[in-house]
Amino acid sequence: MSAEKIKLFLVDDDAVFLKLLEIDFMEHADFVIETYATGELCIKSLSHNPDIIILDYHLDGIDKNAMNGIDTLDKIKAFNPDIPVVILSSQDKIDIAISCMHHRAFDYIVKSETAFVRLQQIITTIFKYQKMKKQLNWFMDRM
């Protein structure tokens, strides 16, 4: 992760929601944000080294044959298993959330009026977790 700004990828095929999410993040924190309408475009840009990816579960609004969120998540984790990926979805079904967690999503959020607040909390949690992991690794290396 960069010391200055967090690099955030936002991936959603809903252009209006994607823009609103981008604006919310730009207004509340100092992020470098890259937005993508498809999982394929996100995958092609992973070399930009995002710190966190916010990924829509359904990504077939533009192209019915587009890669879905789970397939995109799997490819992200194959590229770098340490990139935290938060799945956003309009699906409020526990089996979908569980499936995302089995595919190594960091968290699952239902799109709602409170989604942005929840995302802010999760990003804070991600950085606390990563800090603790670094500290633990430091201690383990000295034993």
N, C-alpha and C. Protein backbone atom coordinates (compact mmCIF):
# COMPACT_ATOMS: atom_id res chain seq x y z
N MET A 1 0.83 -1.18 0.00
CA MET A 1 0.00 0.00 0.00
C MET A 1 0.87 1.24 0.00
N SER A 2 0.40 2.25 -0.67
CA SER A 2 1.15 3.49 -0.70
C SER A 2 0.97 4.22 0.62
N ALA A 3 1.99 4.99 1.02
CA ALA A 3 1.94 5.72 2.27
C ALA A 3 1.05 6.95 2.13
N GLU A 4 0.91 7.49 0.94
CA GLU A 4 0.17 8.72 0.74
C GLU A 4 -1.33 8.47 0.61
N LYS A 5 -1.71 7.85 -0.46
CA LYS A 5 -3.13 7.69 -0.76
C LYS A 5 -3.46 6.22 -0.99
N ILE A 6 -4.66 5.86 -0.61
CA ILE A 6 -5.15 4.50 -0.85
C ILE A 6 -5.63 4.42 -2.29
N LYS A 7 -5.17 3.38 -3.00
CA LYS A 7 -5.64 3.17 -4.37
C LYS A 7 -6.83 2.23 -4.32
N LEU A 8 -7.95 2.73 -4.79
CA LEU A 8 -9.21 2.03 -4.71
C LEU A 8 -9.74 1.77 -6.11
N PHE A 9 -10.05 0.50 -6.39
CA PHE A 9 -10.74 0.14 -7.63
C PHE A 9 -12.22 -0.01 -7.31
N LEU A 10 -13.07 0.65 -8.09
CA LEU A 10 -14.51 0.48 -8.00
C LEU A 10 -14.97 -0.19 -9.27
N VAL A 11 -15.64 -1.32 -9.16
CA VAL A 11 -16.05 -2.10 -10.33
C VAL A 11 -17.55 -2.34 -10.25
N ASP A 12 -18.29 -1.72 -11.19
CA ASP A 12 -19.75 -1.87 -11.21
C ASP A 12 -20.25 -1.52 -12.60
N ASP A 13 -21.20 -2.31 -13.09
CA ASP A 13 -21.74 -2.06 -14.42
C ASP A 13 -22.86 -1.01 -14.42
N ASP A 14 -23.29 -0.58 -13.26
CA ASP A 14 -24.30 0.47 -13.13
C ASP A 14 -23.56 1.82 -13.09
N ALA A 15 -23.55 2.52 -14.22
CA ALA A 15 -22.76 3.75 -14.35
C ALA A 15 -23.16 4.81 -13.33
N VAL A 16 -24.43 4.94 -13.04
CA VAL A 16 -24.89 5.95 -12.09
C VAL A 16 -24.41 5.60 -10.68
N PHE A 17 -24.61 4.36 -10.27
CA PHE A 17 -24.16 3.93 -8.94
C PHE A 17 -22.64 4.07 -8.82
N LEU A 18 -21.93 3.69 -9.88
CA LEU A 18 -20.47 3.76 -9.87
C LEU A 18 -20.01 5.21 -9.67
N LYS A 19 -20.63 6.15 -10.38
CA LYS A 19 -20.25 7.56 -10.26
C LYS A 19 -20.59 8.10 -8.87
N LEU A 20 -21.75 7.73 -8.33
CA LEU A 20 -22.13 8.17 -6.99
C LEU A 20 -21.15 7.64 -5.94
N LEU A 21 -20.76 6.40 -6.09
CA LEU A 21 -19.80 5.80 -5.16
C LEU A 21 -18.45 6.52 -5.25
N GLU A 22 -18.01 6.79 -6.47
CA GLU A 22 -16.75 7.50 -6.67
C GLU A 22 -16.81 8.88 -6.02
N ILE A 23 -17.90 9.60 -6.21
CA ILE A 23 -18.05 10.93 -5.63
C ILE A 23 -18.03 10.86 -4.10
N ASP A 24 -18.76 9.88 -3.54
CA ASP A 24 -18.77 9.71 -2.08
C ASP A 24 -17.36 9.50 -1.54
N PHE A 25 -16.58 8.64 -2.18
CA PHE A 25 -15.23 8.39 -1.71
C PHE A 25 -14.34 9.62 -1.87
N MET A 26 -14.48 10.34 -2.97
CA MET A 26 -13.67 11.53 -3.21
C MET A 26 -13.99 12.63 -2.19
N GLU A 27 -15.23 12.71 -1.76
CA GLU A 27 -15.63 13.74 -0.81
C GLU A 27 -15.22 13.42 0.63
N HIS A 28 -15.04 12.17 0.95
CA HIS A 28 -14.81 11.78 2.34
C HIS A 28 -13.39 11.33 2.66
N ALA A 29 -12.57 11.15 1.67
CA ALA A 29 -11.20 10.70 1.95
C ALA A 29 -10.32 10.99 0.74
N ASP A 30 -9.03 10.84 0.97
CA ASP A 30 -8.05 11.14 -0.06
C ASP A 30 -7.63 9.84 -0.74
N PHE A 31 -8.43 9.41 -1.71
CA PHE A 31 -8.17 8.17 -2.44
C PHE A 31 -7.70 8.45 -3.85
N VAL A 32 -6.96 7.50 -4.40
CA VAL A 32 -6.76 7.43 -5.84
C VAL A 32 -7.76 6.39 -6.31
N ILE A 33 -8.68 6.79 -7.16
CA ILE A 33 -9.77 5.90 -7.55
C ILE A 33 -9.71 5.60 -9.04
N GLU A 34 -9.84 4.32 -9.34
CA GLU A 34 -9.99 3.88 -10.72
C GLU A 34 -11.32 3.16 -10.80
N THR A 35 -12.12 3.49 -11.83
CA THR A 35 -13.43 2.86 -11.97
C THR A 35 -13.46 1.99 -13.22
N TYR A 36 -14.19 0.89 -13.12
CA TYR A 36 -14.31 -0.05 -14.23
C TYR A 36 -15.74 -0.55 -14.32
N ALA A 37 -16.23 -0.67 -15.55
CA ALA A 37 -17.61 -1.12 -15.77
C ALA A 37 -17.70 -2.64 -15.92
N THR A 38 -16.57 -3.31 -16.08
CA THR A 38 -16.58 -4.77 -16.23
C THR A 38 -15.44 -5.40 -15.43
N GLY A 39 -15.63 -6.66 -15.10
CA GLY A 39 -14.57 -7.41 -14.43
C GLY A 39 -13.35 -7.56 -15.31
N GLU A 40 -13.58 -7.71 -16.61
CA GLU A 40 -12.47 -7.87 -17.55
C GLU A 40 -11.54 -6.65 -17.52
N LEU A 41 -12.14 -5.45 -17.49
CA LEU A 41 -11.33 -4.23 -17.45
C LEU A 41 -10.55 -4.12 -16.14
N CYS A 42 -11.18 -4.53 -15.06
CA CYS A 42 -10.51 -4.53 -13.76
C CYS A 42 -9.31 -5.47 -13.79
N ILE A 43 -9.51 -6.68 -14.29
CA ILE A 43 -8.43 -7.68 -14.34
C ILE A 43 -7.25 -7.15 -15.16
N LYS A 44 -7.55 -6.50 -16.28
CA LYS A 44 -6.48 -5.96 -17.13
C LYS A 44 -5.67 -4.87 -16.43
N SER A 45 -6.25 -4.27 -15.39
CA SER A 45 -5.59 -3.15 -14.71
C SER A 45 -4.99 -3.52 -13.35
N LEU A 46 -4.98 -4.79 -13.00
CA LEU A 46 -4.45 -5.19 -11.70
C LEU A 46 -2.99 -4.83 -11.50
N SER A 47 -2.26 -4.65 -12.59
CA SER A 47 -0.86 -4.24 -12.47
C SER A 47 -0.73 -2.83 -11.89
N HIS A 48 -1.83 -2.09 -11.78
CA HIS A 48 -1.82 -0.76 -11.16
C HIS A 48 -1.77 -0.88 -9.63
N ASN A 49 -1.81 -2.10 -9.13
CA ASN A 49 -1.65 -2.42 -7.70
C ASN A 49 -2.66 -1.71 -6.78
N PRO A 50 -3.93 -2.07 -6.91
CA PRO A 50 -4.91 -1.47 -6.01
C PRO A 50 -4.70 -1.95 -4.57
N ASP A 51 -5.03 -1.08 -3.63
CA ASP A 51 -4.98 -1.46 -2.22
C ASP A 51 -6.25 -2.21 -1.82
N ILE A 52 -7.37 -1.81 -2.42
CA ILE A 52 -8.67 -2.40 -2.12
C ILE A 52 -9.51 -2.37 -3.39
N ILE A 53 -10.33 -3.40 -3.58
CA ILE A 53 -11.26 -3.43 -4.71
C ILE A 53 -12.68 -3.59 -4.17
N ILE A 54 -13.56 -2.70 -4.61
CA ILE A 54 -14.98 -2.80 -4.32
C ILE A 54 -15.61 -3.34 -5.61
N LEU A 55 -16.21 -4.52 -5.54
CA LEU A 55 -16.62 -5.26 -6.73
C LEU A 55 -18.09 -5.63 -6.69
N ASP A 56 -18.81 -5.29 -7.75
CA ASP A 56 -20.22 -5.66 -7.87
C ASP A 56 -20.35 -7.16 -8.11
N TYR A 57 -21.39 -7.75 -7.54
CA TYR A 57 -21.63 -9.18 -7.71
C TYR A 57 -22.10 -9.51 -9.12
N HIS A 58 -23.04 -8.73 -9.62
CA HIS A 58 -23.53 -8.90 -11.00
C HIS A 58 -22.85 -7.88 -11.89
N LEU A 59 -22.24 -8.32 -12.94
CA LEU A 59 -21.54 -7.40 -13.84
C LEU A 59 -22.00 -7.60 -15.28
N ASP A 60 -23.26 -7.97 -15.46
CA ASP A 60 -23.73 -8.28 -16.81
C ASP A 60 -24.69 -7.23 -17.38
N GLY A 61 -24.70 -6.03 -16.80
CA GLY A 61 -25.59 -4.98 -17.28
C GLY A 61 -25.21 -4.40 -18.62
N ILE A 62 -23.95 -4.41 -18.94
CA ILE A 62 -23.47 -3.88 -20.21
C ILE A 62 -23.37 -4.98 -21.25
N ASP A 63 -22.85 -6.12 -20.83
CA ASP A 63 -22.66 -7.26 -21.72
C ASP A 63 -23.14 -8.51 -20.98
N LYS A 64 -24.17 -9.14 -21.50
CA LYS A 64 -24.73 -10.33 -20.85
C LYS A 64 -23.72 -11.47 -20.72
N ASN A 65 -22.68 -11.45 -21.54
CA ASN A 65 -21.65 -12.49 -21.48
C ASN A 65 -20.43 -12.07 -20.66
N ALA A 66 -20.53 -10.93 -19.97
CA ALA A 66 -19.40 -10.44 -19.19
C ALA A 66 -19.13 -11.36 -18.00
N MET A 67 -17.92 -11.31 -17.54
CA MET A 67 -17.51 -12.08 -16.36
C MET A 67 -18.28 -11.55 -15.15
N ASN A 68 -18.80 -12.46 -14.32
CA ASN A 68 -19.54 -12.00 -13.14
C ASN A 68 -18.56 -11.68 -12.00
N GLY A 69 -19.13 -11.22 -10.89
CA GLY A 69 -18.30 -10.82 -9.76
C GLY A 69 -17.49 -11.94 -9.15
N ILE A 70 -18.07 -13.13 -9.05
CA ILE A 70 -17.34 -14.28 -8.48
C ILE A 70 -16.15 -14.66 -9.36
N ASP A 71 -16.38 -14.72 -10.67
CA ASP A 71 -15.27 -15.05 -11.58
C ASP A 71 -14.18 -13.99 -11.51
N THR A 72 -14.60 -12.73 -11.42
CA THR A 72 -13.64 -11.63 -11.31
C THR A 72 -12.87 -11.75 -10.00
N LEU A 73 -13.57 -12.03 -8.92
CA LEU A 73 -12.93 -12.22 -7.61
C LEU A 73 -11.89 -13.33 -7.67
N ASP A 74 -12.24 -14.45 -8.28
CA ASP A 74 -11.30 -15.57 -8.40
C ASP A 74 -10.04 -15.16 -9.17
N LYS A 75 -10.21 -14.40 -10.23
CA LYS A 75 -9.05 -13.96 -11.02
C LYS A 75 -8.20 -12.94 -10.25
N ILE A 76 -8.84 -12.08 -9.48
CA ILE A 76 -8.09 -11.13 -8.65
C ILE A 76 -7.26 -11.90 -7.64
N LYS A 77 -7.87 -12.88 -6.97
CA LYS A 77 -7.16 -13.66 -5.95
C LYS A 77 -6.05 -14.51 -6.57
N ALA A 78 -6.24 -14.96 -7.81
CA ALA A 78 -5.18 -15.70 -8.49
C ALA A 78 -4.00 -14.77 -8.81
N PHE A 79 -4.30 -13.53 -9.13
CA PHE A 79 -3.26 -12.54 -9.44
C PHE A 79 -2.51 -12.15 -8.17
N ASN A 80 -3.28 -11.84 -7.10
CA ASN A 80 -2.68 -11.46 -5.83
C ASN A 80 -3.68 -11.76 -4.71
N PRO A 81 -3.45 -12.82 -3.96
CA PRO A 81 -4.41 -13.21 -2.92
C PRO A 81 -4.52 -12.21 -1.77
N ASP A 82 -3.59 -11.26 -1.69
CA ASP A 82 -3.59 -10.30 -0.59
C ASP A 82 -4.42 -9.04 -0.86
N ILE A 83 -4.94 -8.88 -2.07
CA ILE A 83 -5.77 -7.70 -2.35
C ILE A 83 -7.13 -7.92 -1.70
N PRO A 84 -7.52 -7.06 -0.76
CA PRO A 84 -8.85 -7.20 -0.16
C PRO A 84 -9.93 -6.81 -1.17
N VAL A 85 -10.92 -7.67 -1.31
CA VAL A 85 -12.02 -7.42 -2.24
C VAL A 85 -13.33 -7.44 -1.44
N VAL A 86 -14.08 -6.36 -1.56
CA VAL A 86 -15.38 -6.26 -0.91
C VAL A 86 -16.43 -6.38 -2.01
N ILE A 87 -17.35 -7.32 -1.85
CA ILE A 87 -18.41 -7.53 -2.83
C ILE A 87 -19.62 -6.67 -2.46
N LEU A 88 -20.11 -5.94 -3.44
CA LEU A 88 -21.34 -5.15 -3.32
C LEU A 88 -22.40 -5.83 -4.16
N SER A 89 -23.61 -5.92 -3.63
CA SER A 89 -24.66 -6.57 -4.41
C SER A 89 -26.03 -6.07 -4.01
N SER A 90 -26.93 -6.10 -4.97
CA SER A 90 -28.34 -5.81 -4.66
C SER A 90 -29.01 -7.08 -4.15
N GLN A 91 -28.30 -8.20 -4.17
CA GLN A 91 -28.81 -9.48 -3.71
C GLN A 91 -28.69 -9.57 -2.19
N ASP A 92 -29.82 -9.63 -1.51
CA ASP A 92 -29.83 -9.74 -0.06
C ASP A 92 -30.11 -11.19 0.33
N LYS A 93 -29.23 -12.09 -0.14
CA LYS A 93 -29.42 -13.52 0.10
C LYS A 93 -28.17 -14.07 0.79
N ILE A 94 -28.40 -14.76 1.88
CA ILE A 94 -27.29 -15.27 2.68
C ILE A 94 -26.44 -16.27 1.90
N ASP A 95 -27.04 -17.08 1.02
CA ASP A 95 -26.24 -18.06 0.28
C ASP A 95 -25.27 -17.39 -0.68
N ILE A 96 -25.65 -16.24 -1.22
CA ILE A 96 -24.74 -15.50 -2.11
C ILE A 96 -23.59 -14.92 -1.29
N ALA A 97 -23.92 -14.35 -0.14
CA ALA A 97 -22.88 -13.80 0.73
C ALA A 97 -21.89 -14.90 1.14
N ILE A 98 -22.40 -16.05 1.51
CA ILE A 98 -21.54 -17.16 1.92
C ILE A 98 -20.65 -17.61 0.76
N SER A 99 -21.23 -17.69 -0.43
CA SER A 99 -20.45 -18.07 -1.60
C SER A 99 -19.30 -17.08 -1.83
N CYS A 100 -19.58 -15.80 -1.70
CA CYS A 100 -18.54 -14.79 -1.88
C CYS A 100 -17.42 -14.96 -0.85
N MET A 101 -17.80 -15.27 0.38
CA MET A 101 -16.79 -15.45 1.42
C MET A 101 -15.96 -16.72 1.16
N HIS A 102 -16.59 -17.75 0.61
CA HIS A 102 -15.84 -18.97 0.25
C HIS A 102 -14.84 -18.68 -0.86
N HIS A 103 -15.14 -17.70 -1.68
CA HIS A 103 -14.23 -17.31 -2.77
C HIS A 103 -13.23 -16.25 -2.30
N ARG A 104 -13.14 -16.06 -0.99
CA ARG A 104 -12.14 -15.21 -0.34
C ARG A 104 -12.41 -13.71 -0.45
N ALA A 105 -13.68 -13.32 -0.55
CA ALA A 105 -14.01 -11.89 -0.43
C ALA A 105 -13.73 -11.48 1.01
N PHE A 106 -13.32 -10.25 1.20
CA PHE A 106 -13.09 -9.76 2.57
C PHE A 106 -14.42 -9.53 3.28
N ASP A 107 -15.41 -9.05 2.52
CA ASP A 107 -16.73 -8.81 3.10
C ASP A 107 -17.75 -8.72 1.97
N TYR A 108 -19.01 -8.71 2.37
CA TYR A 108 -20.14 -8.67 1.44
C TYR A 108 -21.11 -7.61 1.95
N ILE A 109 -21.47 -6.68 1.07
CA ILE A 109 -22.38 -5.60 1.46
C ILE A 109 -23.53 -5.53 0.48
N VAL A 110 -24.74 -5.40 1.02
CA VAL A 110 -25.92 -5.21 0.20
C VAL A 110 -26.03 -3.73 -0.14
N LYS A 111 -26.27 -3.43 -1.42
CA LYS A 111 -26.45 -2.05 -1.85
C LYS A 111 -27.69 -1.48 -1.18
N SER A 112 -27.48 -0.39 -0.46
CA SER A 112 -28.58 0.26 0.26
C SER A 112 -28.16 1.69 0.56
N GLU A 113 -29.01 2.40 1.29
CA GLU A 113 -28.70 3.77 1.67
C GLU A 113 -27.48 3.84 2.60
N THR A 114 -27.23 2.76 3.32
CA THR A 114 -26.13 2.74 4.28
C THR A 114 -24.87 2.06 3.75
N ALA A 115 -24.87 1.67 2.48
CA ALA A 115 -23.74 0.93 1.92
C ALA A 115 -22.44 1.72 2.00
N PHE A 116 -22.49 3.03 1.71
CA PHE A 116 -21.25 3.81 1.73
C PHE A 116 -20.65 3.88 3.14
N VAL A 117 -21.49 4.07 4.15
CA VAL A 117 -21.01 4.11 5.53
C VAL A 117 -20.38 2.77 5.90
N ARG A 118 -21.04 1.70 5.50
CA ARG A 118 -20.51 0.36 5.76
C ARG A 118 -19.17 0.15 5.06
N LEU A 119 -19.05 0.63 3.82
CA LEU A 119 -17.79 0.53 3.09
C LEU A 119 -16.67 1.28 3.81
N GLN A 120 -16.97 2.46 4.31
CA GLN A 120 -15.96 3.22 5.07
C GLN A 120 -15.49 2.43 6.28
N GLN A 121 -16.42 1.81 6.98
CA GLN A 121 -16.07 1.01 8.16
C GLN A 121 -15.21 -0.18 7.77
N ILE A 122 -15.55 -0.82 6.68
CA ILE A 122 -14.79 -1.99 6.24
C ILE A 122 -13.39 -1.61 5.81
N ILE A 123 -13.24 -0.49 5.12
CA ILE A 123 -11.90 -0.04 4.70
C ILE A 123 -11.04 0.23 5.93
N THR A 124 -11.61 0.85 6.94
CA THR A 124 -10.88 1.07 8.20
C THR A 124 -10.47 -0.27 8.81
N THR A 125 -11.39 -1.23 8.82
CA THR A 125 -11.10 -2.56 9.35
C THR A 125 -9.99 -3.25 8.57
N ILE A 126 -10.02 -3.11 7.25
CA ILE A 126 -8.98 -3.72 6.41
C ILE A 126 -7.60 -3.21 6.81
N PHE A 127 -7.48 -1.90 7.00
CA PHE A 127 -6.17 -1.35 7.33
C PHE A 127 -5.74 -1.71 8.75
N LYS A 128 -6.67 -1.83 9.67
CA LYS A 128 -6.33 -2.29 11.02
C LYS A 128 -5.86 -3.73 10.97
N TYR A 129 -6.56 -4.56 10.21
CA TYR A 129 -6.19 -5.97 10.05
C TYR A 129 -4.79 -6.10 9.43
N GLN A 130 -4.53 -5.32 8.38
CA GLN A 130 -3.23 -5.40 7.72
C GLN A 130 -2.11 -4.94 8.64
N LYS A 131 -2.38 -3.93 9.46
CA LYS A 131 -1.37 -3.46 10.42
C LYS A 131 -1.07 -4.54 11.45
N MET A 132 -2.13 -5.18 11.97
CA MET A 132 -1.93 -6.25 12.94
C MET A 132 -1.17 -7.42 12.31
N LYS A 133 -1.47 -7.73 11.07
CA LYS A 133 -0.80 -8.83 10.38
C LYS A 133 0.70 -8.53 10.24
N LYS A 134 1.04 -7.30 9.89
CA LYS A 134 2.44 -6.91 9.78
C LYS A 134 3.15 -7.01 11.13
N GLN A 135 2.47 -6.56 12.19
CA GLN A 135 3.06 -6.63 13.53
C GLN A 135 3.27 -8.08 13.94
N LEU A 136 2.29 -8.91 13.70
CA LEU A 136 2.40 -10.32 14.04
C LEU A 136 3.55 -10.98 13.28
N ASN A 137 3.66 -10.67 11.99
CA ASN A 137 4.76 -11.23 11.19
C ASN A 137 6.11 -10.76 11.73
N TRP A 138 6.19 -9.51 12.15
CA TRP A 138 7.43 -8.96 12.71
C TRP A 138 7.81 -9.74 13.97
N PHE A 139 6.83 -9.97 14.85
CA PHE A 139 7.10 -10.72 16.08
C PHE A 139 7.47 -12.17 15.77
N MET A 140 6.78 -12.77 14.84
CA MET A 140 7.04 -14.18 14.49
C MET A 140 8.43 -14.34 13.89
N ASP A 141 8.90 -13.36 13.14
CA ASP A 141 10.23 -13.41 12.56
C ASP A 141 11.34 -13.35 13.62
N ARG A 142 11.03 -12.82 14.79
CA ARG A 142 12.02 -12.68 15.84
C ARG A 142 12.02 -13.84 16.81
N MET A 143 11.13 -14.78 16.65
CA MET A 143 11.07 -15.92 17.56
C MET A 143 11.91 -17.06 17.06
